[in-house]
Amino acid sequence: MHKSKLAGFIIDCNTEDLQGAAEFWSSALGMKTKQFSGEEGEKYVRLMDSSGDLHIEVQSVNHQSRIHLDIETDNIEAEVARLKALGAKEISRVSSWCVMEAPTGQRFCIVNKCTKSFEDDASEW
């Protein structure tokens, strides 16, 4: 048995101005920004959801700009296997997460649990 749920959204931006992109999305969504430190701060800016229920980041990328979702889980391997059984494909492993693709072509990531509401709101499989 394992649990999983929607963690939030990552706004992939093909831009050299990550701060400008983060400022736009901060203003558009009415969310404050939070800077990451070190190397992580060069690639990501967190948008703070006041409820703490969604994990939203603006990310600098080298591919086409898009928005992808993250599914959080307490067992990445089990969740990847579950989603493969539903027809998803594993694309790559990056750090501690797995990039997957839905049968309809959308990319999404499987990440370690990260939201405050995980234990109460996640589905058990």
C-alpha atoms as a PDB file:
ATOM      1  CA  MET A   1       0.000   0.000   0.000  1.00  0.00           C
ATOM      2  CA  HIS A   2       1.093   3.524  -0.719  1.00  0.00           C
ATOM      3  CA  LYS A   3      -0.488   6.970  -0.955  1.00  0.00           C
ATOM      4  CA  SER A   4      -0.412   9.715  -3.577  1.00  0.00           C
ATOM      5  CA  LYS A   5      -2.115  12.993  -4.490  1.00  0.00           C
ATOM      6  CA  LEU A   6      -1.693  16.106  -6.585  1.00  0.00           C
ATOM      7  CA  ALA A   7       1.113  18.164  -5.058  1.00  0.00           C
ATOM      8  CA  GLY A   8       0.879  21.196  -7.305  1.00  0.00           C
ATOM      9  CA  PHE A   9       2.087  22.743 -10.518  1.00  0.00           C
ATOM     10  CA  ILE A  10       5.437  23.663 -11.996  1.00  0.00           C
ATOM     11  CA  ILE A  11       5.445  26.555 -14.443  1.00  0.00           C
ATOM     12  CA  ASP A  12       8.232  25.711 -16.908  1.00  0.00           C
ATOM     13  CA  CYS A  13       9.630  28.905 -18.440  1.00  0.00           C
ATOM     14  CA  ASN A  14      12.077  28.937 -21.329  1.00  0.00           C
ATOM     15  CA  THR A  15      13.620  32.248 -20.315  1.00  0.00           C
ATOM     16  CA  GLU A  16      16.874  33.780 -19.188  1.00  0.00           C
ATOM     17  CA  ASP A  17      14.915  36.033 -16.796  1.00  0.00           C
ATOM     18  CA  LEU A  18      13.660  33.636 -14.113  1.00  0.00           C
ATOM     19  CA  GLN A  19      12.989  36.494 -11.691  1.00  0.00           C
ATOM     20  CA  GLY A  20      10.904  38.341 -14.276  1.00  0.00           C
ATOM     21  CA  ALA A  21       8.905  35.191 -14.978  1.00  0.00           C
ATOM     22  CA  ALA A  22       8.406  34.606 -11.243  1.00  0.00           C
ATOM     23  CA  GLU A  23       7.273  38.219 -10.757  1.00  0.00           C
ATOM     24  CA  PHE A  24       4.718  37.843 -13.558  1.00  0.00           C
ATOM     25  CA  TRP A  25       3.245  34.624 -12.130  1.00  0.00           C
ATOM     26  CA  SER A  26       3.372  36.025  -8.590  1.00  0.00           C
ATOM     27  CA  SER A  27       1.301  39.018  -9.669  1.00  0.00           C
ATOM     28  CA  ALA A  28      -0.992  36.995 -11.944  1.00  0.00           C
ATOM     29  CA  LEU A  29      -1.830  34.467  -9.212  1.00  0.00           C
ATOM     30  CA  GLY A  30      -1.670  36.806  -6.202  1.00  0.00           C
ATOM     31  CA  MET A  31       1.057  34.765  -4.519  1.00  0.00           C
ATOM     32  CA  LYS A  32       4.251  35.877  -2.841  1.00  0.00           C
ATOM     33  CA  THR A  33       7.576  34.507  -4.019  1.00  0.00           C
ATOM     34  CA  LYS A  34      10.139  32.653  -1.954  1.00  0.00           C
ATOM     35  CA  GLN A  35      13.727  32.390  -3.141  1.00  0.00           C
ATOM     36  CA  PHE A  36      15.598  29.123  -2.886  1.00  0.00           C
ATOM     37  CA  SER A  37      19.219  29.265  -1.812  1.00  0.00           C
ATOM     38  CA  GLY A  38      22.293  28.138  -3.695  1.00  0.00           C
ATOM     39  CA  GLU A  39      22.173  26.305  -6.995  1.00  0.00           C
ATOM     40  CA  GLU A  40      18.461  25.532  -6.601  1.00  0.00           C
ATOM     41  CA  GLY A  41      17.760  29.280  -6.531  1.00  0.00           C
ATOM     42  CA  GLU A  42      19.257  29.654 -10.001  1.00  0.00           C
ATOM     43  CA  LYS A  43      16.586  27.406 -11.495  1.00  0.00           C
ATOM     44  CA  TYR A  44      13.477  27.665  -9.257  1.00  0.00           C
ATOM     45  CA  VAL A  45      11.342  30.267  -7.457  1.00  0.00           C
ATOM     46  CA  ARG A  46       8.549  29.101  -5.147  1.00  0.00           C
ATOM     47  CA  LEU A  47       5.112  30.722  -5.240  1.00  0.00           C
ATOM     48  CA  MET A  48       3.561  30.601  -1.796  1.00  0.00           C
ATOM     49  CA  ASP A  49       0.023  29.210  -1.625  1.00  0.00           C
ATOM     50  CA  SER A  50      -1.551  30.771   1.462  1.00  0.00           C
ATOM     51  CA  SER A  51      -3.348  27.534   2.326  1.00  0.00           C
ATOM     52  CA  GLY A  52      -0.192  25.429   1.982  1.00  0.00           C
ATOM     53  CA  ASP A  53      -2.165  22.863  -0.026  1.00  0.00           C
ATOM     54  CA  LEU A  54      -0.394  23.399  -3.362  1.00  0.00           C
ATOM     55  CA  HIS A  55       3.294  23.337  -4.167  1.00  0.00           C
ATOM     56  CA  ILE A  56       3.831  25.805  -7.031  1.00  0.00           C
ATOM     57  CA  GLU A  57       7.189  26.737  -8.554  1.00  0.00           C
ATOM     58  CA  VAL A  58       8.409  28.756 -11.498  1.00  0.00           C
ATOM     59  CA  GLN A  59      11.226  26.819 -13.161  1.00  0.00           C
ATOM     60  CA  SER A  60      13.788  27.854 -15.764  1.00  0.00           C
ATOM     61  CA  VAL A  61      13.954  25.216 -18.520  1.00  0.00           C
ATOM     62  CA  ASN A  62      15.644  24.590 -21.873  1.00  0.00           C
ATOM     63  CA  HIS A  63      12.543  23.105 -23.535  1.00  0.00           C
ATOM     64  CA  GLN A  64       9.325  24.767 -24.668  1.00  0.00           C
ATOM     65  CA  SER A  65       7.467  26.686 -21.952  1.00  0.00           C
ATOM     66  CA  ARG A  66       4.579  24.716 -20.454  1.00  0.00           C
ATOM     67  CA  ILE A  67       2.926  23.891 -17.158  1.00  0.00           C
ATOM     68  CA  HIS A  68       3.260  20.424 -15.690  1.00  0.00           C
ATOM     69  CA  LEU A  69       1.831  18.912 -12.557  1.00  0.00           C
ATOM     70  CA  ASP A  70       3.548  17.021  -9.767  1.00  0.00           C
ATOM     71  CA  ILE A  71       2.030  14.003  -8.063  1.00  0.00           C
ATOM     72  CA  GLU A  72       3.395  13.507  -4.567  1.00  0.00           C
ATOM     73  CA  THR A  73       3.713  10.111  -2.959  1.00  0.00           C
ATOM     74  CA  ASP A  74       5.138   8.279   0.020  1.00  0.00           C
ATOM     75  CA  ASN A  75       6.546   5.601  -2.336  1.00  0.00           C
ATOM     76  CA  ILE A  76       7.869   6.770  -5.709  1.00  0.00           C
ATOM     77  CA  GLU A  77       8.568   3.272  -7.056  1.00  0.00           C
ATOM     78  CA  ALA A  78       5.054   2.040  -6.227  1.00  0.00           C
ATOM     79  CA  GLU A  79       3.430   5.138  -7.742  1.00  0.00           C
ATOM     80  CA  VAL A  80       5.502   4.864 -10.935  1.00  0.00           C
ATOM     81  CA  ALA A  81       4.453   1.212 -11.263  1.00  0.00           C
ATOM     82  CA  ARG A  82       0.783   2.110 -10.665  1.00  0.00           C
ATOM     83  CA  LEU A  83       0.843   4.802 -13.335  1.00  0.00           C
ATOM     84  CA  LYS A  84       2.689   2.582 -15.829  1.00  0.00           C
ATOM     85  CA  ALA A  85      -0.107   0.031 -15.366  1.00  0.00           C
ATOM     86  CA  LEU A  86      -2.546   2.812 -16.337  1.00  0.00           C
ATOM     87  CA  GLY A  87      -0.577   3.469 -19.551  1.00  0.00           C
ATOM     88  CA  ALA A  88       1.958   6.154 -18.575  1.00  0.00           C
ATOM     89  CA  LYS A  89       5.592   5.932 -19.686  1.00  0.00           C
ATOM     90  CA  GLU A  90       8.664   6.639 -17.597  1.00  0.00           C
ATOM     91  CA  ILE A  91      10.761   9.298 -19.346  1.00  0.00           C
ATOM     92  CA  SER A  92      13.669   9.938 -16.967  1.00  0.00           C
ATOM     93  CA  ARG A  93      14.889  10.067 -13.387  1.00  0.00           C
ATOM     94  CA  VAL A  94      16.035  13.460 -12.135  1.00  0.00           C
ATOM     95  CA  SER A  95      17.487  13.764  -8.660  1.00  0.00           C
ATOM     96  CA  SER A  96      14.832  12.270  -6.352  1.00  0.00           C
ATOM     97  CA  TRP A  97      11.869  12.402  -8.755  1.00  0.00           C
ATOM     98  CA  CYS A  98      10.614  10.624 -11.872  1.00  0.00           C
ATOM     99  CA  VAL A  99       9.446  12.342 -15.076  1.00  0.00           C
ATOM    100  CA  MET A 100       6.568  10.502 -16.737  1.00  0.00           C
ATOM    101  CA  GLU A 101       4.325  10.968 -19.749  1.00  0.00           C
ATOM    102  CA  ALA A 102       0.595  10.308 -19.862  1.00  0.00           C
ATOM    103  CA  PRO A 103      -0.837   8.224 -22.709  1.00  0.00           C
ATOM    104  CA  THR A 104      -2.092  11.536 -24.141  1.00  0.00           C
ATOM    105  CA  GLY A 105       1.402  13.116 -24.184  1.00  0.00           C
ATOM    106  CA  GLN A 106       1.436  15.400 -21.142  1.00  0.00           C
ATOM    107  CA  ARG A 107       4.556  15.255 -18.993  1.00  0.00           C
ATOM    108  CA  PHE A 108       4.292  15.142 -15.197  1.00  0.00           C
ATOM    109  CA  CYS A 109       6.553  14.309 -12.267  1.00  0.00           C
ATOM    110  CA  ILE A 110       6.307  11.893  -9.363  1.00  0.00           C
ATOM    111  CA  VAL A 111       7.872  13.500  -6.279  1.00  0.00           C
ATOM    112  CA  ASN A 112       8.276  12.728  -2.596  1.00  0.00           C
ATOM    113  CA  LYS A 113       5.413  13.917  -0.384  1.00  0.00           C
ATOM    114  CA  CYS A 114       5.750  17.642   0.261  1.00  0.00           C
ATOM    115  CA  THR A 115       2.433  19.311   1.147  1.00  0.00           C
ATOM    116  CA  LYS A 116       0.943  19.796   4.586  1.00  0.00           C
ATOM    117  CA  SER A 117      -2.276  18.070   3.556  1.00  0.00           C
ATOM    118  CA  PHE A 118      -0.656  14.875   2.238  1.00  0.00           C
ATOM    119  CA  GLU A 119      -1.559  12.505   5.086  1.00  0.00           C
ATOM    120  CA  ASP A 120      -5.165  13.699   5.264  1.00  0.00           C
ATOM    121  CA  ASP A 121      -5.916  14.083   1.547  1.00  0.00           C
ATOM    122  CA  ALA A 122      -3.894  11.445  -0.321  1.00  0.00           C
ATOM    123  CA  SER A 123      -5.557   8.427  -1.899  1.00  0.00           C
ATOM    124  CA  GLU A 124      -4.407   5.027  -0.693  1.00  0.00           C
ATOM    125  CA  TRP A 125      -3.587   2.416  -3.320  1.00  0.00           C
END
